[in-house]
Amino acid sequence: MNKATFLSIPLLLLFGCSSTIESEESVVQNMERVDNHTGLINHYKGHLEKRPEDVQIMQELAKVYFDKGDIESAKFYADHLLNQGVKNSELLQLRGQIHSQDGEDSLALKRYKSSIEMGNNSGEIYVLSGISYCNTDQFSQAKNAFNQARLKGYNDVAVKNNLAVVYLAQRQYDDVISLLVPVYQENPSNQKVRANLAIALFKVGDVYQARDLLEGAFTDSQVAQISRKLHR
C-alpha cells in the first residue's frame, strides 16, 4: 500500500509538469495565431520578471516587438542579447531585419550572411537578403537571392513580386508586365502585385489598364504613394 502511494506521487508530478508545459505552449500558439502581440509581450515579460536571464524568452520578446512594429524595443532587446555574447542564426536574422527597417541595408546584409553561415537555410533569409540587395542597388545579387528562395520552396507569388520590384528599379517594365500578368490573373486580390503591375503599365503608356487595376482597390493615400513611384 505504501509502495503504491509513493510511486503515484512522482507520476502525478511528472504528468502535472507536462500538462503545464503543453498548456503554456497552447496559450502562446493561440496568441500567435491571431497576432495578439500585446498578449505575447505581456506573457514573455511575465516570464522575464521571474527569470530575467532567460535568453530564449528575451529573444522571443524581441521578435514579437518587431512583428508588432515597435522597432526601438526590438532593437533594445536584440542588442542586449548580442552584447551579452548570444549568437544564433535566428537572432542574427532578426537583427538584420531591424537594420533593414532602419534603412541600414548594408548592415542587414552582414547579419543575414552571418545567419546563413550559422546554418539558416530558409527561404525567408534569402528573400530578406534579396530585399536588402535591391535596396542597395545590387540587382544581380538580389535576383540570385530571390531565386534561391524560390528553390527552397518559398511562396511563388511573393518571390515573383519581389523580382518585379527589381525589374522596376532597373526600368525593365516589359519584364515586370510579363512576370506579373499571370500572377495577377491568379491572385487578383493581391494589392502588392496590382500596384507593381499598375506602375509598369503606366510606365509603358498603358494608362487605361493601369487605372482599371487601381480603381476601387486602393485608398487615396495608397494611390498617391503609387503616383510618387511613377515620377521617380
C-alpha atoms as a PDB file:
ATOM      1  CA  MET A   1       0.000   0.000   0.000  1.00  0.00           C
ATOM      2  CA  ASN A   2       2.745   2.435   0.991  1.00  0.00           C
ATOM      3  CA  LYS A   3       4.827   1.484  -2.032  1.00  0.00           C
ATOM      4  CA  ALA A   4       1.952   2.240  -4.410  1.00  0.00           C
ATOM      5  CA  THR A   5       1.348   5.557  -2.677  1.00  0.00           C
ATOM      6  CA  PHE A   6       4.972   6.634  -3.040  1.00  0.00           C
ATOM      7  CA  LEU A   7       5.053   5.609  -6.698  1.00  0.00           C
ATOM      8  CA  SER A   8       1.964   7.633  -7.543  1.00  0.00           C
ATOM      9  CA  ILE A   9       3.379  10.920  -6.249  1.00  0.00           C
ATOM     10  CA  PRO A  10       6.255  11.361  -8.764  1.00  0.00           C
ATOM     11  CA  LEU A  11       3.950  10.197 -11.541  1.00  0.00           C
ATOM     12  CA  LEU A  12       1.458  12.903 -10.633  1.00  0.00           C
ATOM     13  CA  LEU A  13       4.245  15.466 -10.506  1.00  0.00           C
ATOM     14  CA  LEU A  14       5.556  14.332 -13.877  1.00  0.00           C
ATOM     15  CA  PHE A  15       2.203  14.480 -15.620  1.00  0.00           C
ATOM     16  CA  GLY A  16       1.394  17.747 -13.887  1.00  0.00           C
ATOM     17  CA  CYS A  17       4.562  19.416 -15.262  1.00  0.00           C
ATOM     18  CA  SER A  18       3.937  18.041 -18.745  1.00  0.00           C
ATOM     19  CA  SER A  19       0.387  19.355 -18.709  1.00  0.00           C
ATOM     20  CA  THR A  20       1.586  22.815 -17.622  1.00  0.00           C
ATOM     21  CA  ILE A  21       4.158  22.986 -20.437  1.00  0.00           C
ATOM     22  CA  GLU A  22       1.611  21.871 -23.022  1.00  0.00           C
ATOM     23  CA  SER A  23      -0.907  24.388 -21.704  1.00  0.00           C
ATOM     24  CA  GLU A  24       1.640  27.219 -21.908  1.00  0.00           C
ATOM     25  CA  GLU A  25       2.635  26.260 -25.457  1.00  0.00           C
ATOM     26  CA  SER A  26      -1.030  26.189 -26.408  1.00  0.00           C
ATOM     27  CA  VAL A  27      -1.553  29.694 -24.980  1.00  0.00           C
ATOM     28  CA  VAL A  28       1.398  31.050 -26.994  1.00  0.00           C
ATOM     29  CA  GLN A  29       0.268  29.303 -30.187  1.00  0.00           C
ATOM     30  CA  ASN A  30      -3.257  30.673 -29.824  1.00  0.00           C
ATOM     31  CA  MET A  31      -1.959  34.225 -29.372  1.00  0.00           C
ATOM     32  CA  GLU A  32       0.401  33.841 -32.336  1.00  0.00           C
ATOM     33  CA  ARG A  33      -2.437  32.539 -34.487  1.00  0.00           C
ATOM     34  CA  VAL A  34      -4.437  35.754 -34.024  1.00  0.00           C
ATOM     35  CA  ASP A  35      -1.407  38.103 -33.956  1.00  0.00           C
ATOM     36  CA  ASN A  36      -2.081  39.053 -30.342  1.00  0.00           C
ATOM     37  CA  HIS A  37       1.211  40.905 -29.975  1.00  0.00           C
ATOM     38  CA  THR A  38       0.211  42.710 -26.782  1.00  0.00           C
ATOM     39  CA  GLY A  39      -0.763  39.434 -25.147  1.00  0.00           C
ATOM     40  CA  LEU A  40       2.500  37.782 -26.195  1.00  0.00           C
ATOM     41  CA  ILE A  41       4.541  40.733 -24.910  1.00  0.00           C
ATOM     42  CA  ASN A  42       2.803  40.561 -21.531  1.00  0.00           C
ATOM     43  CA  HIS A  43       3.288  36.794 -21.477  1.00  0.00           C
ATOM     44  CA  TYR A  44       7.036  36.966 -22.136  1.00  0.00           C
ATOM     45  CA  LYS A  45       7.557  39.924 -19.804  1.00  0.00           C
ATOM     46  CA  GLY A  46       5.858  37.953 -17.054  1.00  0.00           C
ATOM     47  CA  HIS A  47       8.436  35.210 -17.573  1.00  0.00           C
ATOM     48  CA  LEU A  48      11.307  37.714 -17.566  1.00  0.00           C
ATOM     49  CA  GLU A  49      10.196  39.037 -14.179  1.00  0.00           C
ATOM     50  CA  LYS A  50      10.792  35.548 -12.793  1.00  0.00           C
ATOM     51  CA  ARG A  51      13.803  34.640 -14.955  1.00  0.00           C
ATOM     52  CA  PRO A  52      15.471  37.882 -16.174  1.00  0.00           C
ATOM     53  CA  GLU A  53      18.415  35.996 -17.690  1.00  0.00           C
ATOM     54  CA  ASP A  54      16.300  33.681 -19.837  1.00  0.00           C
ATOM     55  CA  VAL A  55      17.874  34.212 -23.255  1.00  0.00           C
ATOM     56  CA  GLN A  56      15.207  32.372 -25.244  1.00  0.00           C
ATOM     57  CA  ILE A  57      12.348  34.316 -23.675  1.00  0.00           C
ATOM     58  CA  MET A  58      14.115  37.636 -24.288  1.00  0.00           C
ATOM     59  CA  GLN A  59      14.755  36.694 -27.914  1.00  0.00           C
ATOM     60  CA  GLU A  60      11.090  35.766 -28.368  1.00  0.00           C
ATOM     61  CA  LEU A  61      10.141  39.111 -26.825  1.00  0.00           C
ATOM     62  CA  ALA A  62      12.400  40.986 -29.260  1.00  0.00           C
ATOM     63  CA  LYS A  63      10.787  39.118 -32.164  1.00  0.00           C
ATOM     64  CA  VAL A  64       7.252  39.936 -31.004  1.00  0.00           C
ATOM     65  CA  TYR A  65       8.148  43.618 -30.653  1.00  0.00           C
ATOM     66  CA  PHE A  66       9.482  43.540 -34.217  1.00  0.00           C
ATOM     67  CA  ASP A  67       6.336  41.842 -35.511  1.00  0.00           C
ATOM     68  CA  LYS A  68       4.259  44.470 -33.711  1.00  0.00           C
ATOM     69  CA  GLY A  69       6.220  47.251 -35.421  1.00  0.00           C
ATOM     70  CA  ASP A  70       7.965  48.518 -32.282  1.00  0.00           C
ATOM     71  CA  ILE A  71      11.425  48.581 -33.850  1.00  0.00           C
ATOM     72  CA  GLU A  72      13.049  50.505 -30.985  1.00  0.00           C
ATOM     73  CA  SER A  73      12.061  47.884 -28.408  1.00  0.00           C
ATOM     74  CA  ALA A  74      13.060  45.028 -30.715  1.00  0.00           C
ATOM     75  CA  LYS A  75      16.453  46.676 -31.201  1.00  0.00           C
ATOM     76  CA  PHE A  76      16.887  47.203 -27.444  1.00  0.00           C
ATOM     77  CA  TYR A  77      16.404  43.544 -26.552  1.00  0.00           C
ATOM     78  CA  ALA A  78      18.254  42.150 -29.582  1.00  0.00           C
ATOM     79  CA  ASP A  79      21.278  44.374 -28.934  1.00  0.00           C
ATOM     80  CA  HIS A  80      21.269  43.434 -25.254  1.00  0.00           C
ATOM     81  CA  LEU A  81      21.480  39.760 -26.187  1.00  0.00           C
ATOM     82  CA  LEU A  82      24.225  40.347 -28.756  1.00  0.00           C
ATOM     83  CA  ASN A  83      26.199  42.422 -26.245  1.00  0.00           C
ATOM     84  CA  GLN A  84      25.903  39.523 -23.793  1.00  0.00           C
ATOM     85  CA  GLY A  85      27.574  37.272 -26.354  1.00  0.00           C
ATOM     86  CA  VAL A  86      24.420  35.483 -27.500  1.00  0.00           C
ATOM     87  CA  LYS A  87      24.767  34.429 -31.118  1.00  0.00           C
ATOM     88  CA  ASN A  88      22.432  32.226 -33.114  1.00  0.00           C
ATOM     89  CA  SER A  89      21.020  32.253 -36.631  1.00  0.00           C
ATOM     90  CA  GLU A  90      17.542  33.431 -35.575  1.00  0.00           C
ATOM     91  CA  LEU A  91      18.878  36.378 -33.569  1.00  0.00           C
ATOM     92  CA  LEU A  92      21.201  37.413 -36.396  1.00  0.00           C
ATOM     93  CA  GLN A  93      18.316  37.299 -38.870  1.00  0.00           C
ATOM     94  CA  LEU A  94      16.167  39.402 -36.542  1.00  0.00           C
ATOM     95  CA  ARG A  95      18.932  41.976 -36.096  1.00  0.00           C
ATOM     96  CA  GLY A  96      19.292  42.120 -39.866  1.00  0.00           C
ATOM     97  CA  GLN A  97      15.579  42.794 -40.218  1.00  0.00           C
ATOM     98  CA  ILE A  98      15.858  45.606 -37.672  1.00  0.00           C
ATOM     99  CA  HIS A  99      18.768  47.114 -39.620  1.00  0.00           C
ATOM    100  CA  SER A 100      16.706  46.945 -42.803  1.00  0.00           C
ATOM    101  CA  GLN A 101      13.739  48.660 -41.152  1.00  0.00           C
ATOM    102  CA  ASP A 102      16.125  51.414 -40.039  1.00  0.00           C
ATOM    103  CA  GLY A 103      17.366  51.859 -43.621  1.00  0.00           C
ATOM    104  CA  GLU A 104      20.693  50.167 -42.865  1.00  0.00           C
ATOM    105  CA  ASP A 105      20.588  47.504 -45.553  1.00  0.00           C
ATOM    106  CA  SER A 106      24.359  47.130 -45.862  1.00  0.00           C
ATOM    107  CA  LEU A 107      24.477  46.202 -42.172  1.00  0.00           C
ATOM    108  CA  ALA A 108      21.432  43.983 -42.643  1.00  0.00           C
ATOM    109  CA  LEU A 109      23.254  42.013 -45.340  1.00  0.00           C
ATOM    110  CA  LYS A 110      26.172  41.352 -42.986  1.00  0.00           C
ATOM    111  CA  ARG A 111      23.776  39.960 -40.389  1.00  0.00           C
ATOM    112  CA  TYR A 112      21.979  37.819 -42.970  1.00  0.00           C
ATOM    113  CA  LYS A 113      25.273  36.400 -44.236  1.00  0.00           C
ATOM    114  CA  SER A 114      26.291  35.523 -40.671  1.00  0.00           C
ATOM    115  CA  SER A 115      22.901  33.903 -40.098  1.00  0.00           C
ATOM    116  CA  ILE A 116      23.332  31.762 -43.225  1.00  0.00           C
ATOM    117  CA  GLU A 117      26.852  30.817 -42.120  1.00  0.00           C
ATOM    118  CA  MET A 118      25.377  29.621 -38.819  1.00  0.00           C
ATOM    119  CA  GLY A 119      23.030  27.260 -40.644  1.00  0.00           C
ATOM    120  CA  ASN A 120      19.988  29.353 -41.550  1.00  0.00           C
ATOM    121  CA  ASN A 121      18.978  27.819 -44.867  1.00  0.00           C
ATOM    122  CA  SER A 122      15.370  29.020 -45.004  1.00  0.00           C
ATOM    123  CA  GLY A 123      13.701  30.610 -47.986  1.00  0.00           C
ATOM    124  CA  GLU A 124      12.905  33.620 -45.811  1.00  0.00           C
ATOM    125  CA  ILE A 125      16.539  34.544 -45.183  1.00  0.00           C
ATOM    126  CA  TYR A 126      17.144  34.671 -48.948  1.00  0.00           C
ATOM    127  CA  VAL A 127      14.057  36.816 -49.531  1.00  0.00           C
ATOM    128  CA  LEU A 128      15.246  39.212 -46.834  1.00  0.00           C
ATOM    129  CA  SER A 129      18.712  39.249 -48.392  1.00  0.00           C
ATOM    130  CA  GLY A 130      17.206  39.919 -51.811  1.00  0.00           C
ATOM    131  CA  ILE A 131      15.256  42.895 -50.484  1.00  0.00           C
ATOM    132  CA  SER A 132      18.378  44.402 -48.926  1.00  0.00           C
ATOM    133  CA  TYR A 133      20.401  43.766 -52.087  1.00  0.00           C
ATOM    134  CA  CYS A 134      17.705  45.561 -54.078  1.00  0.00           C
ATOM    135  CA  ASN A 135      17.675  48.459 -51.619  1.00  0.00           C
ATOM    136  CA  THR A 136      21.435  48.851 -52.101  1.00  0.00           C
ATOM    137  CA  ASP A 137      21.177  48.664 -55.922  1.00  0.00           C
ATOM    138  CA  GLN A 138      22.843  45.239 -56.096  1.00  0.00           C
ATOM    139  CA  PHE A 139      20.270  43.941 -58.526  1.00  0.00           C
ATOM    140  CA  SER A 140      22.068  40.853 -59.815  1.00  0.00           C
ATOM    141  CA  GLN A 141      22.627  39.629 -56.261  1.00  0.00           C
ATOM    142  CA  ALA A 142      19.004  40.436 -55.435  1.00  0.00           C
ATOM    143  CA  LYS A 143      17.718  38.263 -58.281  1.00  0.00           C
ATOM    144  CA  ASN A 144      20.030  35.428 -57.263  1.00  0.00           C
ATOM    145  CA  ALA A 145      18.791  35.627 -53.676  1.00  0.00           C
ATOM    146  CA  PHE A 146      15.122  35.611 -54.690  1.00  0.00           C
ATOM    147  CA  ASN A 147      15.710  32.647 -56.982  1.00  0.00           C
ATOM    148  CA  GLN A 148      17.437  30.811 -54.133  1.00  0.00           C
ATOM    149  CA  ALA A 149      14.347  31.421 -52.007  1.00  0.00           C
ATOM    150  CA  ARG A 150      12.193  30.015 -54.785  1.00  0.00           C
ATOM    151  CA  LEU A 151      14.330  26.884 -54.984  1.00  0.00           C
ATOM    152  CA  LYS A 152      13.779  26.428 -51.260  1.00  0.00           C
ATOM    153  CA  GLY A 153      10.009  26.379 -51.690  1.00  0.00           C
ATOM    154  CA  TYR A 154       9.234  29.970 -50.744  1.00  0.00           C
ATOM    155  CA  ASN A 155       5.862  31.343 -51.859  1.00  0.00           C
ATOM    156  CA  ASP A 156       5.938  31.884 -55.645  1.00  0.00           C
ATOM    157  CA  VAL A 157       3.737  34.987 -55.570  1.00  0.00           C
ATOM    158  CA  ALA A 158       5.975  36.705 -53.022  1.00  0.00           C
ATOM    159  CA  VAL A 159       9.134  35.795 -54.936  1.00  0.00           C
ATOM    160  CA  LYS A 160       7.766  36.964 -58.290  1.00  0.00           C
ATOM    161  CA  ASN A 161       6.519  40.214 -56.808  1.00  0.00           C
ATOM    162  CA  ASN A 162       9.947  40.871 -55.310  1.00  0.00           C
ATOM    163  CA  LEU A 163      11.593  40.091 -58.643  1.00  0.00           C
ATOM    164  CA  ALA A 164       9.194  42.579 -60.230  1.00  0.00           C
ATOM    165  CA  VAL A 165      10.452  45.242 -57.808  1.00  0.00           C
ATOM    166  CA  VAL A 166      13.998  44.549 -59.020  1.00  0.00           C
ATOM    167  CA  TYR A 167      12.875  44.934 -62.644  1.00  0.00           C
ATOM    168  CA  LEU A 168      11.057  48.172 -61.787  1.00  0.00           C
ATOM    169  CA  ALA A 169      14.216  49.542 -60.216  1.00  0.00           C
ATOM    170  CA  GLN A 170      16.088  48.677 -63.418  1.00  0.00           C
ATOM    171  CA  ARG A 171      13.337  50.215 -65.598  1.00  0.00           C
ATOM    172  CA  GLN A 172      12.624  46.832 -67.208  1.00  0.00           C
ATOM    173  CA  TYR A 173       8.894  47.486 -67.379  1.00  0.00           C
ATOM    174  CA  ASP A 174       8.078  44.895 -70.048  1.00  0.00           C
ATOM    175  CA  ASP A 175       9.702  42.239 -67.860  1.00  0.00           C
ATOM    176  CA  VAL A 176       7.528  43.348 -64.938  1.00  0.00           C
ATOM    177  CA  ILE A 177       4.386  43.023 -67.053  1.00  0.00           C
ATOM    178  CA  SER A 178       5.357  39.600 -68.437  1.00  0.00           C
ATOM    179  CA  LEU A 179       6.110  38.369 -64.938  1.00  0.00           C
ATOM    180  CA  LEU A 180       3.110  39.800 -63.093  1.00  0.00           C
ATOM    181  CA  VAL A 181       0.190  39.473 -65.527  1.00  0.00           C
ATOM    182  CA  PRO A 182      -0.160  35.695 -64.916  1.00  0.00           C
ATOM    183  CA  VAL A 183       0.345  36.252 -61.177  1.00  0.00           C
ATOM    184  CA  TYR A 184      -2.369  38.913 -61.111  1.00  0.00           C
ATOM    185  CA  GLN A 185      -4.784  36.721 -63.075  1.00  0.00           C
ATOM    186  CA  GLU A 186      -4.450  34.006 -60.450  1.00  0.00           C
ATOM    187  CA  ASN A 187      -4.290  36.405 -57.475  1.00  0.00           C
ATOM    188  CA  PRO A 188      -6.415  39.469 -58.362  1.00  0.00           C
ATOM    189  CA  SER A 189      -6.814  40.499 -54.713  1.00  0.00           C
ATOM    190  CA  ASN A 190      -3.067  40.797 -54.053  1.00  0.00           C
ATOM    191  CA  GLN A 191      -2.554  44.550 -53.712  1.00  0.00           C
ATOM    192  CA  LYS A 192       1.235  44.472 -53.977  1.00  0.00           C
ATOM    193  CA  VAL A 193       1.013  42.662 -57.297  1.00  0.00           C
ATOM    194  CA  ARG A 194      -1.669  45.061 -58.542  1.00  0.00           C
ATOM    195  CA  ALA A 195       0.344  48.132 -57.530  1.00  0.00           C
ATOM    196  CA  ASN A 196       3.586  46.987 -59.162  1.00  0.00           C
ATOM    197  CA  LEU A 197       1.796  45.873 -62.314  1.00  0.00           C
ATOM    198  CA  ALA A 198      -0.045  49.214 -62.491  1.00  0.00           C
ATOM    199  CA  ILE A 199       3.239  51.127 -62.185  1.00  0.00           C
ATOM    200  CA  ALA A 200       4.758  49.132 -65.052  1.00  0.00           C
ATOM    201  CA  LEU A 201       1.650  49.652 -67.213  1.00  0.00           C
ATOM    202  CA  PHE A 202       1.730  53.398 -66.569  1.00  0.00           C
ATOM    203  CA  LYS A 203       5.413  53.471 -67.477  1.00  0.00           C
ATOM    204  CA  VAL A 204       4.822  51.822 -70.865  1.00  0.00           C
ATOM    205  CA  GLY A 205       1.898  54.139 -71.575  1.00  0.00           C
ATOM    206  CA  ASP A 206      -0.958  51.705 -70.965  1.00  0.00           C
ATOM    207  CA  VAL A 207      -2.808  54.195 -68.777  1.00  0.00           C
ATOM    208  CA  TYR A 208      -6.321  52.750 -69.086  1.00  0.00           C
ATOM    209  CA  GLN A 209      -5.375  49.253 -67.944  1.00  0.00           C
ATOM    210  CA  ALA A 210      -3.318  50.707 -65.121  1.00  0.00           C
ATOM    211  CA  ARG A 211      -6.254  52.779 -63.895  1.00  0.00           C
ATOM    212  CA  ASP A 212      -8.544  49.760 -64.093  1.00  0.00           C
ATOM    213  CA  LEU A 213      -6.160  47.919 -61.790  1.00  0.00           C
ATOM    214  CA  LEU A 214      -6.140  50.711 -59.231  1.00  0.00           C
ATOM    215  CA  GLU A 215      -9.813  51.641 -59.319  1.00  0.00           C
ATOM    216  CA  GLY A 216     -11.658  50.666 -56.168  1.00  0.00           C
ATOM    217  CA  ALA A 217      -8.729  48.660 -54.808  1.00  0.00           C
ATOM    218  CA  PHE A 218      -6.680  51.397 -53.140  1.00  0.00           C
ATOM    219  CA  THR A 219      -7.248  54.329 -50.819  1.00  0.00           C
ATOM    220  CA  ASP A 220      -6.373  57.876 -51.896  1.00  0.00           C
ATOM    221  CA  SER A 221      -3.159  57.779 -49.860  1.00  0.00           C
ATOM    222  CA  GLN A 222      -2.129  54.490 -51.470  1.00  0.00           C
ATOM    223  CA  VAL A 223      -2.785  55.887 -54.949  1.00  0.00           C
ATOM    224  CA  ALA A 224      -0.706  58.952 -54.030  1.00  0.00           C
ATOM    225  CA  GLN A 225       2.134  56.676 -52.939  1.00  0.00           C
ATOM    226  CA  ILE A 226       1.964  54.777 -56.222  1.00  0.00           C
ATOM    227  CA  SER A 227       1.926  58.089 -58.086  1.00  0.00           C
ATOM    228  CA  ARG A 228       5.131  59.157 -56.343  1.00  0.00           C
ATOM    229  CA  LYS A 229       6.808  55.977 -57.556  1.00  0.00           C
ATOM    230  CA  LEU A 230       5.756  56.811 -61.098  1.00  0.00           C
ATOM    231  CA  HIS A 231       7.654  60.077 -61.046  1.00  0.00           C
ATOM    232  CA  ARG A 232      10.946  58.680 -59.836  1.00  0.00           C
END
